[in-house]
Protein backbone atom coordinates (compact mmCIF):
# COMPACT_ATOMS: atom_id res chain seq x y z
CA MET A 1 -59.23 9.40 -76.34
CA TYR A 2 -57.74 6.40 -74.54
CA SER A 3 -58.35 3.00 -76.06
CA ASN A 4 -60.51 4.13 -78.87
CA PHE A 5 -58.94 1.97 -81.68
CA LEU A 6 -57.36 5.19 -83.18
CA GLN A 7 -55.32 4.12 -86.30
CA SER A 8 -53.33 6.80 -87.70
CA THR A 9 -50.43 8.98 -86.99
CA ILE A 10 -50.64 11.58 -83.97
CA PRO A 11 -52.17 14.65 -85.50
CA THR A 12 -49.84 17.78 -85.65
CA GLU A 13 -52.91 20.07 -85.14
CA LEU A 14 -53.09 18.79 -81.62
CA GLY A 15 -50.38 21.39 -80.95
CA ASP A 16 -52.78 24.13 -81.85
CA LEU A 17 -54.76 23.25 -78.61
CA GLY A 18 -52.81 25.77 -76.55
CA SER A 19 -54.81 25.53 -73.28
CA LEU A 20 -54.73 21.58 -73.26
CA GLU A 21 -53.65 20.41 -70.12
CA ARG A 22 -54.08 16.71 -70.40
CA LEU A 23 -53.73 14.44 -73.45
CA ASP A 24 -54.26 10.69 -73.15
CA LEU A 25 -53.90 8.78 -76.45
CA GLY A 26 -52.78 5.68 -74.71
CA SER A 27 -53.88 2.14 -75.99
CA ASN A 28 -54.61 2.84 -79.47
CA LYS A 29 -52.94 1.85 -82.67
CA LEU A 30 -50.93 5.08 -83.34
CA THR A 31 -47.99 4.89 -85.56
CA GLY A 32 -45.28 7.13 -86.79
CA VAL A 33 -43.31 9.69 -84.53
CA ILE A 34 -44.19 12.16 -81.74
CA PRO A 35 -44.97 15.37 -83.62
CA THR A 36 -42.57 18.24 -82.68
CA GLU A 37 -45.89 20.42 -82.77
CA LEU A 38 -46.96 19.02 -79.15
CA ALA A 39 -44.09 21.11 -77.60
CA ARG A 40 -46.14 24.02 -78.29
CA LEU A 41 -48.55 22.78 -75.60
CA GLN A 42 -47.27 25.00 -72.75
CA GLU A 43 -49.91 24.18 -70.33
CA LEU A 44 -49.79 20.36 -70.73
CA VAL A 45 -49.36 18.58 -67.40
CA SER A 46 -49.91 15.12 -68.43
CA LEU A 47 -49.15 13.24 -71.69
CA ALA A 48 -49.94 9.56 -72.43
CA LEU A 49 -48.86 7.81 -75.41
CA TYR A 50 -48.29 4.30 -73.96
CA ALA A 51 -49.22 1.05 -75.64
CA ASN A 52 -49.05 2.39 -79.26
CA ALA A 53 -46.65 1.78 -82.29
CA ILE A 54 -44.93 5.13 -82.12
CA THR A 55 -41.27 5.16 -83.04
CA GLY A 56 -38.44 7.60 -83.27
CA ASN A 57 -37.17 9.92 -80.62
CA ILE A 58 -38.82 12.16 -78.05
CA PRO A 59 -38.61 15.61 -79.59
CA MET A 60 -35.72 17.74 -77.97
CA SER A 61 -38.39 20.67 -77.64
CA PHE A 62 -40.19 18.61 -75.07
CA GLN A 63 -37.53 19.91 -72.48
CA ASN A 64 -39.42 23.12 -72.88
CA LEU A 65 -42.65 21.73 -71.56
CA PHE A 66 -42.17 23.23 -68.08
CA ASN A 67 -45.61 22.28 -66.79
CA LEU A 68 -45.41 18.52 -67.84
CA LYS A 69 -45.36 16.41 -64.82
CA LEU A 70 -46.41 13.12 -66.11
CA LEU A 71 -45.04 11.42 -69.37
CA TYR A 72 -46.36 7.95 -70.11
CA LEU A 73 -44.26 6.25 -72.94
CA ASP A 74 -44.22 2.69 -71.96
CA GLN A 75 -45.07 -0.15 -74.43
CA THR A 76 -43.78 2.00 -77.41
CA SER A 77 -40.68 1.61 -79.64
CA LEU A 78 -39.23 5.20 -78.85
CA SER A 79 -35.48 5.69 -78.71
CA PRO A 80 -33.76 6.80 -75.38
CA PRO A 81 -35.10 9.82 -73.20
CA ILE A 82 -34.56 13.32 -73.93
CA ALA A 83 -31.10 14.47 -74.15
CA VAL A 84 -30.34 17.27 -71.62
CA GLY A 85 -27.59 19.80 -72.83
């Protein structure tokens, strides 16, 4: 769904797509925060949210995405990275 001029928040329902391995929502017009529901995507390898108007923090629960190898968050207004602890 890269560069499709999507204008909304990131749907929480995406967290229900349990076998999803790649999600590219980059270069859209998405707003709001990253839904914590995305941390349910245990098979996720690559997540691209760059070049959107998303704000807030990266959900702490993302540290449990053990298969996640690529996380693209540049050109957003997100706060600092995941705190480990």
